[in-house]
Amino acid sequence: MHYLPRREFIIQGGAALVALTSFQSRIAYAFPTRAGEEVIKWLDQLPPNPVPEVIKNQLVWEDLDSWVTPNDKFFSIAHFNRPVIDETTWKLEIGGSVKKPTALTLADIRAR
């Protein structure tokens, strides 16, 4: 029986794998080369927003140019109706196990 060390097996196996993939390159199938051929769309690309009432501002990753999502491109998904909020009467109440319970209006939050 022939002894093949693990390191040699990995090197030879890697070389064999490279040789096999170079003969059957999938990149060649992505670009049409003959007249009449067409490129088939990738199956993992999602269709446009199917339900605009539920998914507001569907995020397109390719449009982002920063790790921080700007407010105008922020997206949200709701399973129920979105509440109608009056900005003048809305407030955030902080209570419970806190030292100083407080209530902040939207103007207070925006001013900070």
Protein backbone atom coordinates (compact mmCIF):
# COMPACT_ATOMS: atom_id res chain seq x y z
CA MET A 1 0.00 0.00 0.00
CA HIS A 2 1.28 3.45 -0.93
CA TYR A 3 1.78 5.90 1.96
CA LEU A 4 0.52 9.44 1.23
CA PRO A 5 1.13 12.05 3.95
CA ARG A 6 -1.73 14.41 4.72
CA ARG A 7 0.17 17.47 3.45
CA GLU A 8 0.88 15.80 0.10
CA PHE A 9 -2.74 14.68 -0.15
CA ILE A 10 -3.96 18.26 0.34
CA ILE A 11 -1.48 19.65 -2.22
CA GLN A 12 -2.27 17.00 -4.83
CA GLY A 13 -6.00 17.18 -4.15
CA GLY A 14 -5.95 20.96 -4.51
CA ALA A 15 -4.06 20.72 -7.79
CA ALA A 16 -6.55 18.15 -9.08
CA LEU A 17 -9.46 20.36 -8.04
CA VAL A 18 -7.99 23.37 -9.86
CA ALA A 19 -7.48 21.26 -12.98
CA LEU A 20 -11.07 20.01 -12.92
CA THR A 21 -12.59 23.45 -12.40
CA SER A 22 -10.54 25.02 -15.16
CA PHE A 23 -12.09 22.61 -17.66
CA GLN A 24 -15.66 23.27 -16.56
CA SER A 25 -15.58 26.97 -15.70
CA ARG A 26 -19.00 28.30 -14.73
CA ILE A 27 -17.88 31.83 -15.60
CA ALA A 28 -18.00 30.84 -19.25
CA TYR A 29 -21.73 30.15 -18.93
CA ALA A 30 -22.49 33.63 -17.56
CA PHE A 31 -21.60 35.50 -20.74
CA PRO A 32 -23.20 34.67 -24.10
CA THR A 33 -20.61 34.03 -26.79
CA ARG A 34 -22.68 32.96 -29.78
CA ALA A 35 -25.40 34.81 -31.66
CA GLY A 36 -28.85 34.09 -30.27
CA GLU A 37 -27.65 33.19 -26.77
CA GLU A 38 -29.01 35.07 -23.78
CA VAL A 39 -27.94 35.43 -20.18
CA ILE A 40 -30.22 33.65 -17.70
CA LYS A 41 -31.04 35.72 -14.61
CA TRP A 42 -29.76 34.50 -11.26
CA LEU A 43 -32.42 32.71 -9.25
CA ASP A 44 -31.51 34.40 -5.96
CA GLN A 45 -32.42 37.92 -7.15
CA LEU A 46 -35.61 39.06 -5.47
CA PRO A 47 -38.43 40.59 -7.52
CA PRO A 48 -39.45 44.21 -6.92
CA ASN A 49 -41.35 45.01 -3.73
CA PRO A 50 -44.37 42.65 -3.83
CA VAL A 51 -46.47 44.45 -1.21
CA PRO A 52 -45.67 48.19 -1.00
CA GLU A 53 -48.28 48.72 1.75
CA VAL A 54 -46.37 46.38 4.08
CA ILE A 55 -42.74 46.97 3.12
CA LYS A 56 -41.98 50.69 3.15
CA ASN A 57 -38.76 51.83 1.44
CA GLN A 58 -37.51 48.37 0.51
CA LEU A 59 -33.75 48.49 0.92
CA VAL A 60 -31.56 47.92 -2.14
CA TRP A 61 -28.11 46.97 -0.80
CA GLU A 62 -26.35 48.13 -3.95
CA ASP A 63 -27.62 51.70 -3.39
CA LEU A 64 -25.95 52.04 0.01
CA ASP A 65 -22.59 53.77 0.11
CA SER A 66 -22.06 53.73 3.89
CA TRP A 67 -22.36 51.33 6.82
CA VAL A 68 -24.86 53.73 8.39
CA THR A 69 -28.31 53.68 6.79
CA PRO A 70 -29.59 57.24 6.21
CA ASN A 71 -33.06 58.10 7.53
CA ASP A 72 -34.57 58.52 4.06
CA LYS A 73 -33.45 54.99 3.06
CA PHE A 74 -34.38 53.30 6.34
CA PHE A 75 -36.83 50.48 5.79
CA SER A 76 -39.52 48.93 7.95
CA ILE A 77 -41.83 45.97 7.67
CA ALA A 78 -45.23 45.93 9.38
CA HIS A 79 -47.59 42.99 9.70
CA PHE A 80 -50.47 45.15 10.88
CA ASN A 81 -51.73 48.65 10.14
CA ARG A 82 -49.35 51.47 10.95
CA PRO A 83 -50.60 53.74 13.73
CA VAL A 84 -51.39 57.35 12.93
CA ILE A 85 -49.36 59.51 15.33
CA ASP A 86 -49.99 63.15 16.14
CA GLU A 87 -46.55 64.71 16.61
CA THR A 88 -47.87 67.46 18.89
CA THR A 89 -49.39 65.10 21.48
CA TRP A 90 -47.02 62.12 21.23
CA LYS A 91 -44.66 61.51 24.14
CA LEU A 92 -42.25 58.85 25.34
CA GLU A 93 -42.76 57.88 28.97
CA ILE A 94 -39.80 56.34 30.80
CA GLY A 95 -40.83 54.64 34.02
CA GLY A 96 -40.58 51.46 36.01
CA SER A 97 -37.29 50.58 37.70
CA VAL A 98 -35.62 53.91 37.01
CA LYS A 99 -34.47 56.53 39.50
CA LYS A 100 -36.23 59.41 37.78
CA PRO A 101 -39.36 58.64 35.71
CA THR A 102 -39.83 61.16 32.94
CA ALA A 103 -41.84 61.91 29.82
CA LEU A 104 -40.32 63.36 26.66
CA THR A 105 -42.19 64.94 23.78
CA LEU A 106 -41.03 64.54 20.21
CA ALA A 107 -39.74 68.12 20.29
CA ASP A 108 -37.67 67.30 23.41
CA ILE A 109 -36.10 64.29 21.70
CA ARG A 110 -35.32 66.22 18.52
CA ALA A 111 -33.76 69.05 20.55
CA ARG A 112 -31.23 66.71 22.19
